[in-house]
Amino acid sequence: MRKLIGLLLALNLGMLAVGLAWQFAAREAPQPVMFNADKIRLLDLPPTLQADAAKVVVEDVAEETVPPISQDAQQVANRRCLAWKSLDAAGLHAIEASLRNMGIKPGAYSIALSKKLGWWVFLPPPADAATIQAQLDQIIQLGIKDYAQVRSGPMRNAISLGAFSNLSQVREHAAFLTNKGINGVEYGPRLESGMARLTFSDSISDAELAKLETQFQTAWPNGLQPAACALP
């Protein structure tokens, strides 16, 4: 009997010891490590990229503003510049006649075309094939080599006698060919030469141009009223 009581006492003490040990172990057990997936990814990046990826501060970005264009940088319409969208030889001669009527000499202005070789000297299309052949024969007899017959378009059968880059050149060449004995020589802008821009030289003062502005309103031929343009 005493042996049985001793055995039960030993078992109770053993269970008490196990319970106390379990409670102590649970209290002292380390907390499980919580892994941060974002931090793990950062460890795989180079140091310079880690700094960029870890930066979470949002900076306010100021809106870009375009500085206003100064008045000096803007091309402003000027009374010294007049323009026509297109011009042919007849229109050129009508404009020059109007300028002469206003007392403006050829040396006081210049006319430039959009196309580099927009000016030409030519013989207008004749009425019949016999006249064309007679003109070609005369050109050849005079030893003129720079010529070509226009084969298509509104100026078909005209004879081109050279293309030039400015008005003074075509004037000189037209006078040269006329002095050689060729009749009916004309000059002017080619049909595809684009915009024509007339600019007045410094030989005409601003005060003189201001006085001419009233005449400019009515002096031009019908259909050839120019628009003010910006100086090149």
Protein backbone atom coordinates (compact mmCIF):
# COMPACT_ATOMS: atom_id res chain seq x y z
CA MET A 1 0.00 0.00 0.00
CA ARG A 2 2.76 2.38 0.86
CA LYS A 3 4.47 1.49 -2.41
CA LEU A 4 1.33 2.39 -4.40
CA ILE A 5 1.01 5.77 -2.62
CA GLY A 6 4.67 6.53 -3.36
CA LEU A 7 4.22 5.68 -7.05
CA LEU A 8 1.19 7.99 -7.39
CA LEU A 9 3.08 10.80 -5.65
CA ALA A 10 6.02 10.39 -8.03
CA LEU A 11 3.71 10.50 -11.04
CA ASN A 12 2.04 13.71 -9.81
CA LEU A 13 5.38 15.38 -9.24
CA GLY A 14 6.52 14.34 -12.72
CA MET A 15 3.40 15.79 -14.34
CA LEU A 16 3.86 19.03 -12.38
CA ALA A 17 7.44 19.29 -13.53
CA VAL A 18 6.48 18.68 -17.17
CA GLY A 19 3.72 21.32 -16.99
CA LEU A 20 6.02 23.93 -15.49
CA ALA A 21 8.69 23.19 -18.12
CA TRP A 22 6.17 23.51 -20.97
CA GLN A 23 4.84 26.83 -19.63
CA PHE A 24 8.34 28.23 -19.27
CA ALA A 25 9.36 27.05 -22.74
CA ALA A 26 6.28 28.66 -24.30
CA ARG A 27 7.00 31.97 -22.54
CA GLU A 28 10.63 32.08 -23.63
CA ALA A 29 10.19 30.81 -27.21
CA PRO A 30 11.36 33.42 -29.80
CA GLN A 31 8.75 35.08 -32.00
CA PRO A 32 8.71 33.83 -35.59
CA VAL A 33 10.56 36.04 -38.10
CA MET A 34 8.25 38.01 -40.42
CA PHE A 35 9.78 38.31 -43.89
CA ASN A 36 9.12 41.41 -46.01
CA ALA A 37 8.89 40.48 -49.67
CA ASP A 38 9.72 44.01 -50.79
CA LYS A 39 12.91 44.02 -48.72
CA ILE A 40 13.93 40.68 -50.19
CA ARG A 41 13.51 42.09 -53.70
CA LEU A 42 15.65 45.12 -52.80
CA LEU A 43 18.51 42.86 -51.76
CA ASP A 44 18.66 41.50 -55.31
CA LEU A 45 19.15 44.99 -56.85
CA PRO A 46 22.45 46.89 -57.25
CA PRO A 47 23.05 49.54 -54.54
CA THR A 48 22.21 52.46 -56.84
CA LEU A 49 18.90 50.90 -57.88
CA GLN A 50 18.11 49.98 -54.28
CA ALA A 51 18.19 53.64 -53.32
CA ASP A 52 15.83 54.57 -56.17
CA ALA A 53 13.44 51.70 -55.46
CA ALA A 54 13.31 52.40 -51.72
CA LYS A 55 12.56 56.10 -52.21
CA VAL A 56 8.88 56.70 -51.56
CA VAL A 57 8.82 60.48 -51.09
CA VAL A 58 6.65 62.11 -53.75
CA GLU A 59 8.01 65.44 -54.92
CA ASP A 60 5.77 68.17 -56.27
CA VAL A 61 6.70 68.88 -59.88
CA ALA A 62 6.18 72.45 -60.98
CA GLU A 63 4.37 72.92 -64.30
CA GLU A 64 6.61 73.98 -67.15
CA THR A 65 5.92 77.42 -68.46
CA VAL A 66 6.92 78.60 -71.95
CA PRO A 67 8.54 82.02 -71.79
CA PRO A 68 6.73 84.58 -73.92
CA ILE A 69 8.33 85.42 -77.27
CA SER A 70 9.79 88.87 -77.23
CA GLN A 71 8.44 91.36 -79.72
CA ASP A 72 11.88 91.65 -81.34
CA ALA A 73 11.84 87.94 -82.16
CA GLN A 74 8.45 88.08 -83.87
CA GLN A 75 8.11 88.71 -87.57
CA VAL A 76 5.75 91.65 -87.84
CA ALA A 77 4.11 92.90 -91.02
CA ASN A 78 6.06 95.87 -92.35
CA ARG A 79 5.15 98.61 -94.84
CA ARG A 80 8.51 97.98 -96.56
CA CYS A 81 7.36 94.51 -97.60
CA LEU A 82 4.48 93.63 -99.95
CA ALA A 83 3.60 90.16 -101.21
CA TRP A 84 1.54 88.35 -103.85
CA LYS A 85 0.68 84.65 -103.61
CA SER A 86 1.69 84.20 -107.24
CA LEU A 87 2.75 86.37 -110.14
CA ASP A 88 3.20 85.96 -113.89
CA ALA A 89 4.99 88.13 -116.43
CA ALA A 90 1.92 90.25 -117.20
CA GLY A 91 1.31 90.86 -113.49
CA LEU A 92 4.95 91.82 -112.95
CA HIS A 93 4.86 94.42 -115.73
CA ALA A 94 1.58 95.85 -114.43
CA ILE A 95 3.04 96.19 -110.91
CA GLU A 96 6.22 97.84 -112.21
CA ALA A 97 4.13 100.26 -114.25
CA SER A 98 2.19 101.19 -111.10
CA LEU A 99 5.43 101.74 -109.19
CA ARG A 100 6.70 104.02 -111.95
CA ASN A 101 3.46 106.00 -111.83
CA MET A 102 4.07 106.56 -108.12
CA GLY A 103 7.58 107.82 -108.86
CA ILE A 104 9.37 104.72 -107.55
CA LYS A 105 12.36 103.74 -109.71
CA PRO A 106 13.46 100.10 -110.27
CA GLY A 107 16.58 100.58 -108.12
CA ALA A 108 14.45 101.52 -105.09
CA TYR A 109 12.86 98.09 -104.74
CA SER A 110 13.49 94.40 -105.35
CA ILE A 111 11.17 91.48 -106.01
CA ALA A 112 12.10 87.99 -104.82
CA LEU A 113 10.36 84.69 -105.60
CA SER A 114 9.94 81.58 -103.46
CA LYS A 115 11.59 79.36 -106.08
CA LYS A 116 15.35 79.77 -106.45
CA LEU A 117 15.34 79.89 -110.27
CA GLY A 118 11.85 81.32 -110.55
CA TRP A 119 12.63 83.97 -113.18
CA TRP A 120 12.87 83.27 -116.89
CA VAL A 121 13.39 84.98 -120.24
CA PHE A 122 11.14 83.60 -122.96
CA LEU A 123 9.29 83.98 -126.22
CA PRO A 124 5.51 83.63 -125.69
CA PRO A 125 3.65 80.78 -127.43
CA PRO A 126 3.16 81.76 -131.11
CA ALA A 127 -0.02 81.37 -133.10
CA ASP A 128 1.20 78.59 -135.39
CA ALA A 129 3.88 75.98 -135.91
CA ALA A 130 5.52 77.94 -138.74
CA THR A 131 6.25 80.83 -136.38
CA ILE A 132 7.77 78.48 -133.83
CA GLN A 133 10.13 77.06 -136.45
CA ALA A 134 11.10 80.55 -137.64
CA GLN A 135 11.94 81.59 -134.07
CA LEU A 136 14.03 78.47 -133.50
CA ASP A 137 15.90 79.02 -136.76
CA GLN A 138 16.71 82.61 -135.78
CA ILE A 139 17.94 81.56 -132.34
CA ILE A 140 20.24 78.97 -133.87
CA GLN A 141 21.58 81.39 -136.51
CA LEU A 142 22.45 83.94 -133.79
CA GLY A 143 24.45 81.32 -131.93
CA ILE A 144 22.25 81.27 -128.83
CA LYS A 145 22.53 77.87 -127.17
CA ASP A 146 20.50 78.33 -123.99
CA TYR A 147 16.97 77.69 -125.23
CA ALA A 148 14.25 75.04 -124.97
CA GLN A 149 10.73 74.66 -126.28
CA VAL A 150 8.06 74.22 -123.57
CA ARG A 151 6.21 70.97 -124.34
CA SER A 152 3.25 71.09 -121.93
CA GLY A 153 1.20 73.25 -119.60
CA PRO A 154 -0.31 76.74 -120.04
CA MET A 155 2.90 77.97 -121.70
CA ARG A 156 3.09 75.11 -124.20
CA ASN A 157 5.14 76.03 -127.31
CA ALA A 158 6.76 79.00 -125.59
CA ILE A 159 10.54 79.10 -126.00
CA SER A 160 12.54 79.38 -122.80
CA LEU A 161 15.71 81.44 -123.15
CA GLY A 162 17.12 80.89 -119.67
CA ALA A 163 16.16 80.65 -115.99
CA PHE A 164 17.59 83.06 -113.40
CA SER A 165 17.57 83.73 -109.67
CA ASN A 166 16.72 87.45 -109.61
CA LEU A 167 14.89 90.17 -111.48
CA SER A 168 17.95 92.20 -112.47
CA GLN A 169 19.45 89.18 -114.26
CA VAL A 170 16.37 88.56 -116.40
CA ARG A 171 16.16 92.24 -117.30
CA GLU A 172 19.77 92.23 -118.47
CA HIS A 173 19.44 88.98 -120.41
CA ALA A 174 16.20 90.10 -122.08
CA ALA A 175 17.90 93.35 -123.16
CA PHE A 176 20.91 91.38 -124.44
CA LEU A 177 18.74 89.09 -126.59
CA THR A 178 16.72 92.02 -127.92
CA ASN A 179 19.94 93.78 -128.93
CA LYS A 180 20.99 90.58 -130.70
CA GLY A 181 17.93 90.94 -132.92
CA ILE A 182 15.35 88.59 -131.37
CA ASN A 183 11.90 90.15 -131.42
CA GLY A 184 9.22 89.68 -128.78
CA VAL A 185 11.50 88.74 -125.88
CA GLU A 186 9.74 88.82 -122.50
CA TYR A 187 10.73 88.12 -118.91
CA GLY A 188 8.98 87.48 -115.62
CA PRO A 189 8.22 84.89 -112.96
CA ARG A 190 7.67 81.31 -114.05
CA LEU A 191 4.16 80.02 -113.33
CA GLU A 192 5.41 77.66 -110.61
CA SER A 193 7.65 80.23 -108.91
CA GLY A 194 5.40 80.68 -105.85
CA MET A 195 5.03 83.79 -103.71
CA ALA A 196 6.47 87.09 -104.92
CA ARG A 197 7.79 89.47 -102.25
CA LEU A 198 8.49 93.14 -103.00
CA THR A 199 10.74 95.05 -100.58
CA PHE A 200 11.67 98.72 -100.69
CA SER A 201 15.31 99.71 -100.21
CA ASP A 202 16.66 102.31 -97.79
CA SER A 203 16.73 104.84 -100.62
CA ILE A 204 13.06 105.41 -99.77
CA SER A 205 12.66 106.75 -96.24
CA ASP A 206 9.97 105.62 -93.79
CA ALA A 207 8.39 109.05 -94.08
CA GLU A 208 8.13 108.72 -97.87
CA LEU A 209 6.58 105.27 -97.54
CA ALA A 210 4.07 106.61 -95.04
CA LYS A 211 3.00 109.26 -97.59
CA LEU A 212 2.65 106.58 -100.29
CA GLU A 213 0.38 104.36 -98.20
CA THR A 214 -2.72 106.20 -99.36
CA GLN A 215 -1.71 105.66 -102.99
CA PHE A 216 -0.99 102.00 -102.26
CA GLN A 217 -4.67 101.45 -101.55
CA THR A 218 -5.75 102.30 -105.11
CA ALA A 219 -2.62 102.30 -107.29
CA TRP A 220 -2.42 98.58 -108.01
CA PRO A 221 -4.02 96.91 -111.06
CA ASN A 222 -7.23 94.95 -110.62
CA GLY A 223 -6.59 91.61 -108.95
CA LEU A 224 -3.07 92.57 -107.91
CA GLN A 225 -3.69 94.20 -104.53
CA PRO A 226 -0.73 93.06 -102.37
CA ALA A 227 -0.68 92.01 -98.71
CA ALA A 228 1.71 93.39 -96.12
CA CYS A 229 4.40 90.87 -95.19
CA ALA A 230 7.31 90.43 -92.80
CA LEU A 231 10.77 91.51 -93.85
CA PRO A 232 13.02 88.50 -94.61
